[in-house]
Amino acid sequence: MAEVVLVWEMGADMGHLTRLDALAKRLVERGHGVTCIFCDLTGLQWLYPPQQTPPYHLLQGPSWPNQYAKLSRP
């Protein structure tokens, strides 16, 4: 099967994590190898308690914590 890399580095909210997590899980269920690269891995703490791990590979991407870019308008 295919090797898939999902990357998202923008935004300070966690909506993108939940969407990409769902997509990654579905791809793994179909037999694909999946790696997710996020700029902030701390948001995954509320998706996966300490005793659980995602069913895909995780990598820390580059992060500039004082320069979040918001894509939505107030």
Protein backbone atom coordinates (compact mmCIF):
# COMPACT_ATOMS: atom_id res chain seq x y z
CA MET A 1 0.00 0.00 0.00
CA ALA A 2 0.93 3.66 -0.16
CA GLU A 3 2.99 5.67 2.32
CA VAL A 4 1.15 8.89 3.18
CA VAL A 5 2.46 12.00 4.96
CA LEU A 6 -0.04 14.47 6.42
CA VAL A 7 1.34 17.89 7.36
CA TRP A 8 -0.31 20.93 8.89
CA GLU A 9 1.64 23.76 10.46
CA MET A 10 -0.77 26.69 10.62
CA GLY A 11 -3.36 27.63 13.19
CA ALA A 12 -3.47 27.82 16.96
CA ASP A 13 -6.72 25.88 17.44
CA MET A 14 -7.02 22.09 17.50
CA GLY A 15 -9.62 21.59 14.74
CA HIS A 16 -7.00 20.55 12.21
CA LEU A 17 -5.63 17.89 14.57
CA THR A 18 -8.99 16.16 14.95
CA ARG A 19 -9.62 16.19 11.21
CA LEU A 20 -6.17 14.90 10.29
CA ASP A 21 -6.33 12.31 13.08
CA ALA A 22 -9.59 10.94 11.65
CA LEU A 23 -8.14 10.87 8.13
CA ALA A 24 -4.93 9.18 9.32
CA LYS A 25 -6.87 6.50 11.22
CA ARG A 26 -8.98 5.76 8.17
CA LEU A 27 -5.91 5.45 5.94
CA VAL A 28 -4.27 3.08 8.45
CA GLU A 29 -7.45 0.96 8.50
CA ARG A 30 -7.13 0.63 4.74
CA GLY A 31 -3.57 -0.64 5.07
CA HIS A 32 -1.57 2.48 4.27
CA GLY A 33 1.49 3.62 6.19
CA VAL A 34 0.81 7.07 7.63
CA THR A 35 3.08 9.72 9.15
CA CYS A 36 1.65 12.94 10.58
CA ILE A 37 3.83 16.01 11.06
CA PHE A 38 2.44 18.73 13.32
CA CYS A 39 4.06 21.92 14.60
CA ASP A 40 2.54 21.36 18.05
CA LEU A 41 2.12 17.86 19.44
CA THR A 42 0.67 19.00 22.77
CA GLY A 43 -2.84 19.08 21.30
CA LEU A 44 -2.72 15.32 20.90
CA GLN A 45 -2.68 14.92 24.69
CA TRP A 46 -6.46 15.35 24.84
CA LEU A 47 -6.98 12.96 21.90
CA TYR A 48 -4.72 10.24 23.30
CA PRO A 49 -4.25 9.70 27.03
CA PRO A 50 -0.69 8.81 28.17
CA GLN A 51 -1.30 5.05 27.94
CA GLN A 52 -2.54 5.28 24.33
CA THR A 53 -0.67 6.14 21.15
CA PRO A 54 -1.99 7.03 17.70
CA PRO A 55 -2.05 4.18 15.16
CA TYR A 56 0.29 6.19 12.91
CA HIS A 57 3.77 7.69 13.13
CA LEU A 58 4.14 11.19 14.58
CA LEU A 59 6.86 13.75 13.94
CA GLN A 60 7.40 17.19 15.44
CA GLY A 61 7.57 19.82 12.71
CA PRO A 62 9.20 23.23 13.04
CA SER A 63 7.50 25.46 15.56
CA TRP A 64 7.55 29.19 16.29
CA PRO A 65 5.30 29.45 19.37
CA ASN A 66 5.13 33.24 19.39
CA GLN A 67 3.98 33.50 15.74
CA TYR A 68 0.71 31.64 15.36
CA ALA A 69 -1.18 32.29 12.15
CA LYS A 70 -4.95 32.26 12.42
CA LEU A 71 -6.84 31.35 9.28
CA SER A 72 -10.26 32.32 10.57
CA ARG A 73 -11.63 35.80 11.02
CA PRO A 74 -12.95 37.13 14.33
